[in-house]
Amino acid sequence: MTFVQVGKMKTAPQIETRDMVLLQALAAQGSLSGAADVLEQPVSSVSRALKALERRLQVALLVRTTRRMELTQAGRLLLERSHQVLQSLADIEADLARVAGSPSGLLRVNTSASFMSHVLLPLIPRFAKAYPGIDLELRSSDEIVDLIQEHADVAIRIGTMAASSLRAVLLGSCRRLVLASPAYLQRHGTPRGVKDLATHRLLGYIGADALNRWPLSHGHQQELSIRPAICVSHGEMLHQLALAHQGIACLLDFSVAADRRQGNLVELLPQFNLSPPNPVHIVYYRRAPTDTRIQAFINFMREHAESWVTISGDGPA
């Protein structure tokens, strides 16, 4: 019998996957407290983990400025390699799930607060039943987020897509409608033309000029720039203010479908709303082959598009 001598194993790596996740959280949040919130750990634990990692590597990864924490050159290098390593591990998991024949593992989804509340969350029980092996992490943001920094596998975005390295799958379309509650209209009157809006309380967004341009044609203009009486940071706040009879808002049709059916909100000036529908896409980073979890989510959302796609004027299709 011949024996083959195997050489001694090299020293175990000084960096673990949890270290890479920690660094990504610190880089994305810019503070120990922010990273602690994302990781659901005490700030003291995050601080100790960072110090232990720097001690093992014998290099500083972050430095404090007057406003936030910044990565050192070594930290930036480790962060870049961390993205690659964690993505490779995710791809391996996807390949193993593909071999097993059933999607499994964690899928992280990011979308706007309105789409999350009115479309995605009501569909989650069906998705969980169809794909019990997939765990979901759901986050909402009305801003366009970087998928890597936000630790998102997929995002659902509304509006025309800018050129990018992301893959985009069209789910459907939606429209922006101008609405108010019957109680508000009873008190303040119903506008018959676009110019009449100048005498009404208009509800809009903070620092979002594009969203404060309503899709109402008047004269030679295809949009109406408004000056809001109340400004908010996301669409769900506008929705609640409109329901509370606080003014006129411009909201996405899927977010108000139930309210229009029940008579809680009424569409205004539909004859002036000539804007084309806004496309709704699922976006994700290019992978070959596509992660089975992402493909399962795409297939599911396309199959259930009829549950939220609406038609202006007559309510849900």
Protein backbone atom coordinates (compact mmCIF):
# COMPACT_ATOMS: atom_id res chain seq x y z
CA MET A 1 0.00 0.00 0.00
CA THR A 2 1.38 3.39 -0.97
CA PHE A 3 0.91 6.35 1.29
CA VAL A 4 0.98 9.90 0.00
CA GLN A 5 2.10 12.53 2.45
CA VAL A 6 -0.13 15.58 2.44
CA GLY A 7 1.55 18.87 3.18
CA LYS A 8 0.55 20.92 6.19
CA MET A 9 -2.52 23.07 5.76
CA LYS A 10 -1.95 26.78 5.52
CA THR A 11 -2.99 29.04 8.36
CA ALA A 12 -6.74 29.60 8.47
CA PRO A 13 -7.89 32.87 6.82
CA GLN A 14 -8.01 35.88 9.10
CA ILE A 15 -11.20 37.19 7.42
CA GLU A 16 -14.58 35.51 7.83
CA THR A 17 -17.82 36.16 5.97
CA ARG A 18 -19.28 37.91 9.03
CA ASP A 19 -16.33 40.34 8.89
CA MET A 20 -17.17 41.20 5.28
CA VAL A 21 -20.84 41.71 6.13
CA LEU A 22 -19.78 43.96 9.03
CA LEU A 23 -17.58 46.09 6.77
CA GLN A 24 -20.34 46.43 4.17
CA ALA A 25 -22.78 47.60 6.85
CA LEU A 26 -20.28 50.15 8.22
CA ALA A 27 -19.51 51.48 4.74
CA ALA A 28 -23.19 51.76 3.80
CA GLN A 29 -24.37 53.35 7.07
CA GLY A 30 -21.34 55.50 7.86
CA SER A 31 -21.54 54.95 11.61
CA LEU A 32 -21.32 52.25 14.27
CA SER A 33 -24.89 52.90 15.39
CA GLY A 34 -26.23 52.69 11.84
CA ALA A 35 -24.38 49.43 11.20
CA ALA A 36 -25.63 48.08 14.54
CA ASP A 37 -29.24 48.80 13.52
CA VAL A 38 -28.81 47.02 10.17
CA LEU A 39 -27.05 44.04 11.74
CA GLU A 40 -29.48 43.99 14.70
CA GLN A 41 -26.59 43.96 17.19
CA PRO A 42 -25.57 46.23 20.07
CA VAL A 43 -23.23 49.06 19.14
CA SER A 44 -20.68 47.68 21.59
CA SER A 45 -20.63 44.32 19.76
CA VAL A 46 -20.11 46.01 16.39
CA SER A 47 -17.28 48.15 17.83
CA ARG A 48 -15.57 45.09 19.35
CA ALA A 49 -15.91 43.12 16.11
CA LEU A 50 -14.35 45.96 14.12
CA LYS A 51 -11.44 46.34 16.53
CA ALA A 52 -10.87 42.57 16.56
CA LEU A 53 -10.80 42.46 12.75
CA GLU A 54 -8.34 45.36 12.53
CA ARG A 55 -6.18 43.72 15.20
CA ARG A 56 -6.12 40.41 13.31
CA LEU A 57 -5.28 42.12 10.01
CA GLN A 58 -2.93 44.65 11.68
CA VAL A 59 -4.35 47.47 9.56
CA ALA A 60 -6.85 50.29 10.08
CA LEU A 61 -10.00 49.86 8.01
CA LEU A 62 -11.96 52.98 9.00
CA VAL A 63 -11.18 56.46 10.25
CA ARG A 64 -13.56 58.91 11.89
CA THR A 65 -14.24 62.34 10.36
CA THR A 66 -16.26 65.14 11.93
CA ARG A 67 -19.46 63.81 10.33
CA ARG A 68 -19.11 60.09 9.68
CA MET A 69 -16.76 57.14 9.39
CA GLU A 70 -14.73 56.80 6.20
CA LEU A 71 -12.93 53.78 4.76
CA THR A 72 -9.16 53.80 4.58
CA GLN A 73 -7.43 52.59 1.43
CA ALA A 74 -7.17 49.13 3.01
CA GLY A 75 -10.83 49.30 3.96
CA ARG A 76 -11.86 50.19 0.40
CA LEU A 77 -9.82 47.28 -0.94
CA LEU A 78 -11.39 44.86 1.52
CA LEU A 79 -14.88 46.21 0.78
CA GLU A 80 -14.43 45.69 -2.96
CA ARG A 81 -13.15 42.15 -2.49
CA SER A 82 -15.93 41.47 0.03
CA HIS A 83 -18.59 42.25 -2.59
CA GLN A 84 -16.92 39.77 -4.94
CA VAL A 85 -16.54 37.03 -2.33
CA LEU A 86 -20.09 37.32 -0.95
CA GLN A 87 -21.50 37.39 -4.47
CA SER A 88 -19.53 34.26 -5.30
CA LEU A 89 -20.93 32.55 -2.22
CA ALA A 90 -24.46 33.60 -3.21
CA ASP A 91 -23.87 32.21 -6.70
CA ILE A 92 -22.66 28.92 -5.21
CA GLU A 93 -25.80 28.71 -3.07
CA ALA A 94 -27.92 29.45 -6.14
CA ASP A 95 -26.14 26.75 -8.14
CA LEU A 96 -26.69 24.23 -5.34
CA ALA A 97 -30.37 25.21 -5.15
CA ARG A 98 -30.62 24.82 -8.91
CA VAL A 99 -29.20 21.31 -8.63
CA ALA A 100 -31.65 20.54 -5.85
CA GLY A 101 -34.44 21.80 -8.10
CA SER A 102 -36.10 24.19 -5.63
CA PRO A 103 -35.11 27.84 -5.00
CA SER A 104 -33.95 28.46 -1.45
CA GLY A 105 -32.02 30.94 0.64
CA LEU A 106 -32.35 34.66 1.41
CA LEU A 107 -33.80 37.08 -1.18
CA ARG A 108 -33.47 40.79 -0.38
CA VAL A 109 -36.01 43.06 -2.08
CA ASN A 110 -36.09 46.87 -2.18
CA THR A 111 -38.95 49.02 -3.49
CA SER A 112 -40.88 52.21 -2.74
CA ALA A 113 -43.04 52.47 0.37
CA SER A 114 -46.22 52.68 -1.73
CA PHE A 115 -45.45 49.63 -3.85
CA MET A 116 -44.36 47.74 -0.75
CA SER A 117 -47.57 48.51 1.16
CA HIS A 118 -50.14 48.20 -1.61
CA VAL A 119 -48.70 45.57 -3.93
CA LEU A 120 -45.86 43.50 -2.52
CA LEU A 121 -46.94 42.90 1.09
CA PRO A 122 -50.43 41.61 0.13
CA LEU A 123 -48.75 39.08 -2.20
CA ILE A 124 -46.24 37.76 0.34
CA PRO A 125 -48.49 34.97 1.73
CA ARG A 126 -48.91 33.54 -1.78
CA PHE A 127 -45.18 33.84 -2.49
CA ALA A 128 -44.28 32.12 0.78
CA LYS A 129 -46.65 29.27 -0.02
CA ALA A 130 -45.28 28.89 -3.56
CA TYR A 131 -41.61 29.11 -2.50
CA PRO A 132 -41.28 27.96 1.13
CA GLY A 133 -37.50 27.62 0.79
CA ILE A 134 -36.98 31.34 0.08
CA ASP A 135 -36.54 33.68 3.05
CA LEU A 136 -37.37 37.32 2.35
CA GLU A 137 -35.82 40.56 3.56
CA LEU A 138 -38.01 43.50 2.51
CA ARG A 139 -36.92 47.13 2.59
CA SER A 140 -38.63 50.26 1.29
CA SER A 141 -37.09 53.47 0.00
CA ASP A 142 -38.53 56.15 -2.28
CA GLU A 143 -35.00 56.90 -3.53
CA ILE A 144 -33.15 54.92 -6.20
CA VAL A 145 -30.75 52.80 -4.18
CA ASP A 146 -27.48 51.12 -5.02
CA LEU A 147 -28.25 47.41 -4.84
CA ILE A 148 -24.83 46.47 -3.46
CA GLN A 149 -24.69 49.18 -0.80
CA GLU A 150 -28.23 48.42 0.32
CA HIS A 151 -27.59 44.65 0.29
CA ALA A 152 -30.48 44.16 -2.16
CA ASP A 153 -30.73 41.31 -4.66
CA VAL A 154 -33.58 42.90 -6.60
CA ALA A 155 -35.39 46.23 -6.65
CA ILE A 156 -38.74 47.26 -8.12
CA ARG A 157 -38.49 50.65 -9.80
CA ILE A 158 -41.17 52.88 -11.26
CA GLY A 159 -40.48 55.17 -14.22
CA THR A 160 -38.23 55.26 -17.24
CA MET A 161 -35.01 53.31 -16.70
CA ALA A 162 -31.69 55.12 -17.13
CA ALA A 163 -28.84 53.30 -18.84
CA SER A 164 -27.04 51.06 -16.34
CA SER A 165 -25.42 47.67 -15.87
CA LEU A 166 -28.62 46.34 -14.32
CA ARG A 167 -30.94 43.90 -16.00
CA ALA A 168 -34.54 45.11 -16.12
CA VAL A 169 -37.68 43.00 -16.49
CA LEU A 170 -40.92 44.85 -17.27
CA LEU A 171 -43.72 43.95 -14.84
CA GLY A 172 -46.40 46.33 -16.02
CA SER A 173 -47.24 50.01 -15.84
CA CYS A 174 -48.99 52.52 -13.64
CA ARG A 175 -50.22 56.10 -13.85
CA ARG A 176 -50.13 59.14 -11.59
CA LEU A 177 -53.59 60.45 -10.71
CA VAL A 178 -54.66 63.71 -9.11
CA LEU A 179 -57.06 62.99 -6.23
CA ALA A 180 -58.84 64.36 -3.21
CA SER A 181 -61.35 63.12 -0.66
CA PRO A 182 -65.07 63.91 -1.08
CA ALA A 183 -65.00 65.71 2.29
CA TYR A 184 -62.21 68.02 1.12
CA LEU A 185 -64.06 68.77 -2.12
CA GLN A 186 -67.28 69.47 -0.24
CA ARG A 187 -65.49 72.08 1.86
CA HIS A 188 -63.32 73.68 -0.81
CA GLY A 189 -65.07 72.96 -4.10
CA THR A 190 -64.15 70.74 -7.03
CA PRO A 191 -61.62 72.17 -9.53
CA ARG A 192 -63.00 72.18 -13.07
CA GLY A 193 -59.78 73.23 -14.79
CA VAL A 194 -56.06 73.13 -14.10
CA LYS A 195 -55.99 76.85 -13.23
CA ASP A 196 -58.48 76.21 -10.42
CA LEU A 197 -55.78 74.29 -8.50
CA ALA A 198 -54.14 77.62 -7.63
CA THR A 199 -56.85 78.19 -4.99
CA HIS A 200 -56.51 74.74 -3.39
CA ARG A 201 -54.23 73.14 -0.81
CA LEU A 202 -51.80 70.97 -2.78
CA LEU A 203 -49.76 68.18 -1.22
CA GLY A 204 -46.26 67.40 -2.51
CA TYR A 205 -42.76 66.13 -1.85
CA ILE A 206 -39.74 67.57 -0.10
CA GLY A 207 -36.91 68.37 -2.51
CA ALA A 208 -38.31 66.32 -5.40
CA ASP A 209 -39.02 68.70 -8.26
CA ALA A 210 -39.87 65.89 -10.69
CA LEU A 211 -42.57 64.54 -8.36
CA ASN A 212 -43.94 68.04 -7.79
CA ARG A 213 -44.65 68.30 -11.50
CA TRP A 214 -48.11 66.85 -12.00
CA PRO A 215 -49.16 65.18 -15.28
CA LEU A 216 -51.76 67.80 -16.19
CA SER A 217 -51.76 69.44 -19.61
CA HIS A 218 -52.51 73.18 -19.63
CA GLY A 219 -51.91 75.61 -22.47
CA HIS A 220 -48.65 74.65 -24.15
CA GLN A 221 -47.40 72.86 -21.06
CA GLN A 222 -47.67 69.09 -20.56
CA GLU A 223 -47.03 69.28 -16.80
CA LEU A 224 -48.03 71.51 -13.91
CA SER A 225 -45.35 72.53 -11.43
CA ILE A 226 -46.97 72.89 -8.01
CA ARG A 227 -46.04 74.73 -4.84
CA PRO A 228 -47.13 72.38 -2.04
CA ALA A 229 -48.86 73.64 1.07
CA ILE A 230 -47.61 70.50 2.85
CA CYS A 231 -44.40 68.69 1.85
CA VAL A 232 -43.59 65.10 2.81
CA SER A 233 -40.78 62.62 2.21
CA HIS A 234 -42.67 59.71 0.63
CA GLY A 235 -45.89 58.84 -1.16
CA GLU A 236 -47.57 56.96 1.67
CA MET A 237 -47.57 60.14 3.75
CA LEU A 238 -49.31 61.96 0.88
CA HIS A 239 -51.82 59.14 0.70
CA GLN A 240 -52.69 59.44 4.38
CA LEU A 241 -52.96 63.24 4.19
CA ALA A 242 -55.34 63.01 1.24
CA LEU A 243 -57.49 60.49 3.14
CA ALA A 244 -57.47 62.90 6.10
CA HIS A 245 -59.02 65.62 3.85
CA GLN A 246 -55.89 67.81 4.00
CA GLY A 247 -55.65 68.65 0.31
CA ILE A 248 -55.16 67.42 -3.24
CA ALA A 249 -52.40 64.90 -3.99
CA CYS A 250 -50.89 63.20 -7.04
CA LEU A 251 -50.56 59.48 -6.32
CA LEU A 252 -49.82 56.27 -8.19
CA ASP A 253 -52.96 54.43 -9.26
CA PHE A 254 -52.14 51.10 -7.59
CA SER A 255 -51.82 52.83 -4.20
CA VAL A 256 -55.34 54.29 -4.36
CA ALA A 257 -57.27 51.53 -6.15
CA ALA A 258 -59.11 50.41 -3.01
CA ASP A 259 -59.83 53.98 -1.93
CA ARG A 260 -61.34 54.80 -5.31
CA ARG A 261 -63.52 51.70 -5.21
CA GLN A 262 -64.77 52.60 -1.75
CA GLY A 263 -65.28 56.27 -2.61
CA ASN A 264 -62.67 57.54 -0.15
CA LEU A 265 -60.72 59.34 -2.90
CA VAL A 266 -61.95 60.85 -6.17
CA GLU A 267 -59.88 61.42 -9.30
CA LEU A 268 -59.78 65.05 -10.44
CA LEU A 269 -59.27 66.56 -13.89
CA PRO A 270 -58.86 63.22 -15.75
CA GLN A 271 -59.49 64.97 -19.07
CA PHE A 272 -56.25 66.94 -18.57
CA ASN A 273 -54.16 63.93 -17.51
CA LEU A 274 -52.68 62.92 -20.87
CA SER A 275 -49.38 61.51 -19.60
CA PRO A 276 -48.31 58.03 -20.76
CA PRO A 277 -48.15 55.17 -18.23
CA ASN A 278 -45.00 54.75 -16.13
CA PRO A 279 -43.23 51.41 -16.62
CA VAL A 280 -42.61 49.24 -13.57
CA HIS A 281 -39.47 47.07 -13.68
CA ILE A 282 -37.71 44.50 -11.55
CA VAL A 283 -33.99 45.23 -11.71
CA TYR A 284 -31.02 43.11 -10.63
CA TYR A 285 -27.33 42.73 -11.36
CA ARG A 286 -26.39 40.62 -14.34
CA ARG A 287 -25.62 37.04 -13.43
CA ALA A 288 -25.12 34.01 -15.65
CA PRO A 289 -27.09 31.92 -15.11
CA THR A 290 -29.76 33.96 -13.29
CA ASP A 291 -30.11 33.19 -9.57
CA THR A 292 -33.07 30.83 -9.11
CA ARG A 293 -34.39 32.92 -6.24
CA ILE A 294 -34.47 36.02 -8.43
CA GLN A 295 -36.02 34.13 -11.33
CA ALA A 296 -38.69 32.69 -9.03
CA PHE A 297 -39.51 36.18 -7.74
CA ILE A 298 -39.68 37.60 -11.28
CA ASN A 299 -41.95 34.80 -12.48
CA PHE A 300 -44.23 35.20 -9.47
CA MET A 301 -44.57 38.98 -9.82
CA ARG A 302 -45.32 38.73 -13.53
CA GLU A 303 -47.95 36.06 -12.89
CA HIS A 304 -49.68 38.31 -10.35
CA ALA A 305 -49.41 41.60 -12.24
CA GLU A 306 -53.17 41.65 -12.80
CA SER A 307 -53.67 42.09 -9.05
CA TRP A 308 -52.30 45.63 -9.13
CA VAL A 309 -52.26 46.97 -12.71
CA THR A 310 -55.09 49.51 -12.95
CA ILE A 311 -56.73 51.67 -15.57
CA SER A 312 -57.35 55.37 -14.99
CA GLY A 313 -60.94 56.55 -14.90
CA ASP A 314 -62.88 53.42 -14.03
CA GLY A 315 -60.82 52.06 -11.17
CA PRO A 316 -59.14 48.66 -11.20
CA ALA A 317 -59.23 46.64 -14.37
